[in-house]
Amino acid sequence: MRAIALCCVLLLPWAAETAPAQDSQIFIRLEERLNALKADNRLPDAEAVGRQMLALARRDFAHQPQWTAVALADLAGVLLDMGRYPEAEPLCVEAVRIMRRAYGENDIRLATPLSNLANVYWYQHRFAEAEKMHRQVWRLRAQAYGPDDPRVADTIENVAHAISEAGKHADAEPLYKHVLKLRVQAFGGEHPDVVKSLYNLAVYYDDQGRAADALPLYQEALRITIKLSGEKDLMVSRIASRLGTLQLRSKRPDEAERYFRQAQSINISLLGPEHPWVLGDSSLARVYIQQGRFEDALSVLKQVLQFEEGYYGANSSNCAISHTDLGRLASRMEQPEQARQQFTRAIEICEQIGAPPRQLADLYMLRAGMAVQSSQAGDWQADLNRSLELAEQERENLAGGEQERAQAVAGIQDHYRLASMMFAAADQLDRAWEITEQYRSRTLVEQMLLSQVDLLSDVPPDQARQLRAAEQAAAQQVTELERQLAALPNQPTPAANPNEQRAALVQQLAAARQRLVAAYADIRTASPLYRQALRAGEKVSLDAMRQWLQDQQALLLYFTVDDSTGFLFTLDGSPQPPRRVPFELTAEQQAGLGVQGDLLSGAMLQKLFLDESNGLLRQITNPQKALTSADKLHWLWQTLIPEQQRADITSGKYKRLVVIPDGPLAMLPLELLVVEPGDQPKYLLDLEIPIIYGPSPTILYQLAHRGASTAAPAAEPILTVGDPDYSPASQRPAADPLPARYGGAGGALGRLPYSGREANWVAEVFKNNNIAAQMLLAAQATEGQVRAKLAGRRIVHLACHGLVDPVFGNFFGALALAPSPRAAADPRDDGFLTLNEICQLNLSACELAILSACETNYGPQQDGEGNWALTRGFLVAGSRRVVASNWLVDDESAASLISYYCGILARDEKQGAPVDYAAALAEAKRFIRAQPRWQHPYYWATFVLVGPG
């Protein structure tokens, strides 16, 4: 529940100016009695007093209708508290009419009845009408008190509530932030009104699934409240309840119970055991459900529903939530028909009151699931399609940048995943495929659509200037703090306590980066063009994908995994429908992989790959360890690839594999799979079938069919960059990717001498084939120089350090180039080409970007979206395909592999043969694998081709 600024302020002071003294005293005493009864929660008695007040006003104050408006407002307030919103509405409408007639459209005294009417609309889920009323109040109060007055902030916050509940989240976020700013300016940082803003902004984030953004706001609001009012305060209760819900989402019911009982204790202490907040509290039922105490949960939910039907009415939003909870419980108790009935009742209520799209999407999905299990199946397909339609509506109205939107959308991914699973179970595989493709890498599709678009071109000029200035100021501060961190070891006079100085700078840098990320998100929240892109992206059709695969004689392997399940879609150029195969495990396969469970899931893969003691990828990425993982790689070959497809691949039926990884599988190059185990294992690489990777079929298809660039080609189509000068030189190992100025950990980046040779070799092999190349080496390889030289290049090769920064979703992950003397003045030339900055480059002429650096295809994973790697930035910037690495690279072997690869590309181009980027990379890998000292997969398996071959 948000902290809504309810307007129960009376008009009595104005009405009393002209009232007869005796009658006014009677009226005032009645109102005092009404307020006392409301405080005691004796609402029926308060209603009787309110009706007495209204009768008195109509009879004795006929010539002073303001008194009638006061009585109407008081009675409407009681009815609101009782949940009788339709009865309160005509009273509020009449009060507005009276005050308009008495004072006109522009009098501040009209604000209170307008606010009351807005709240009536709010509680009936008529959010558009509520917004309209609150905006009128905003205008009146801004005129009367000034635009920055705290009383205006209350109304702006109510507007934000209304538009957020209506699903227009992108419009609400800047209003919540503006209100917080106004209150801090007016009251300082520690004030109850500031707490209300922090809480409401946290709830806004929380309701979008952005728990990471919500949690620090809840914690700050809690800290201030306890400092000002102690631990027995209603705001502490509200925050504790919200924190309990966050714990439930993290599957920590015992921790959640502690928070919920804290909230319950405060409410009983301050409000009494008969208060609606106490009698209508079902939070413990949700705890009991997670704890498996179903009968206890059922008892609580029935009591709550009985209270709500009597207090709020059977068609209230509160009852819809209780019916939903009862349906979920019945499902857990394996009573599908009872669950379906509860969900149906909840849907009826929500459709009637106009509930938010997310709530209805959940209900239709839940009912569809129960319909399939119930003997009275119903039209489950219609329910699934309706659920997805509502999920799309919710998605279009989310706010923030790509990370925030993808994080919020992760909460509705299950709608698509479950719908796909249910259609597949009904043998409707085409529809199952379409639904899966509908949600995969959606944010990346939209980013690519908006490449080279000025997102602020349709924003009012003053607002656009402010947004750009905020982003630029934050970027400059980040650069300056990074510079100060880098300079610490070389200070002429060391600080008295250097550790404290470093810690303070690291803390300031984290805050500055947070401001930069927020400024980036604010631009996208404000941009109409950004929101339009959410509806503009088209998915590749199944027929088009089949034709593309047929043209290449390719097999598509489309993986989908989550914490509890895993399956594979396969598709080729034949007219057969896609095949959907779950990762079912035999007892033998479980033993071979060292996992337990009948279905290989994302959680199992994560442990299998990254276990501290014997994780598969930990062995593969450590060349010092003897490879003992061949058997597991063989079991993965048998588990991940169905038997028929294994036979087709090994027989040579297909000329190419197209792989769409998901979750932990994005870390595993499939070339590593062992086809034949033994002392000299035979890898999939050895079958000489090239593999290409992609975030989704749609993205691969779009990249393959994108037209030729209209940009003027550069005189030298190849740009190669190597061995940036990271002075002062460091003694750190070249494989250590984290620099001091980046992570605040001490030291500096080490030179990569073989990267200079690599750049020379790349330039040489192209020049030997009459293809001109430009090199940037050592001190010339600055970020500014690279930016300036990119335009019109067909192939861009960057050999340098790669940095992954999981904080802020790799927003500050970067390619490390040489620092420039201009770095302090220009964040775009500070030596760190970040993921955010890469996305803004113009690589529309680029056919291939080669990122010969560590972990350039590795980054934080996000459900449904894939990994936020540097690869992503180059695709957004316009490169058709990218060669990138999945783990730390060895300087010397990487130089040999990439130069050999470019030699094949240059040879084929000179001979006029079609350039096969995937086949060339596979050949280069086999060349490295053939060298005795580089036979370990660490050396040859890391590089993959993302994009069409």
Foldseek 3Di string as FASTA:
>chain_A
DAPAPQQLDAPLVVLVPPADPVLSVVLVVLLVVLVVCVLLVVLVVSLVSLVVQLVSCVPRVVVRCSSNLRSLSSNLVSCVQLQVLVVNQVSLVVSLVVCCVVPNLQALSSLRSLSSNLVSLVQLLVLVSSLVSLVSNLVNCCVVPNNLDLVSLSSLLSNLVSCVQQLQLLVNQVSLVSSLVSCCVVPNCQDLSNLSSLQNNLVSLVVLLNNVVNVVSLVSSLVSCCVVPNCLDQSVLVSLQVVLVVCVVVLNLVSSVVSNVSSLVSCCVPRNCPRLVNQQDLSVLSSCVSVVVLVVSVVSLVSNLVVCCSRNNCLGLSNLVSLQSVLVSCVVVVNLVSSLVSLVSSLVSCVSSVGQLQVLLVSLLSNLVSLVVDPNNPDSVVSLVSSVVSLLSSLLNHAFALVSSLSSSLVVVVSLVVSLVVCVVVVNNQVSVVSLQVQFQLSLLLLLVCFPPDQCPPPPPVVSVVLVVQLQVLLLQLLVLLVVLVCQVVDPDHDPDSVVVLVVSLVVNVVSVVSNRRSRRSSLSRGPVSSVSSPPDDFDHPLVLLVVQAVQLEKEWAWAFDAPWIWTWIGHNDPDRIDIGTLADDPVLCVQQVHDDGGDHLNNLCCCQPPPPCHQVVQQQDLVDDRPCLSNLQSCVPRRADPVRLVCLLVVSGQAYEYADAHPCLLPQQQQRFNADDPDTDGSLNSLRFYAYASHSRLQVCLVPPDADPFDADPQQEEAEFFEAFPPAWPDDQLDQDACSRNVPDTGHHTQVLRVVLSVLLQVLLVVLVHHYDYQYYPRFWLVNCLVPQGNHAEYEYAAAWAEDQVVQQQQTFGFHYADPCCSVDVSGGRTCGLVNLLNGANQNYQEYEYNYFQQSATDHRRSNGHSGSQSSPVNNHHSKYKDFSGRADSNLSSQLSSQLSSQQSVCVSVVHDRQSRSSSSVSLVVQCPDVSRVRSSRRVTIHMHHHD
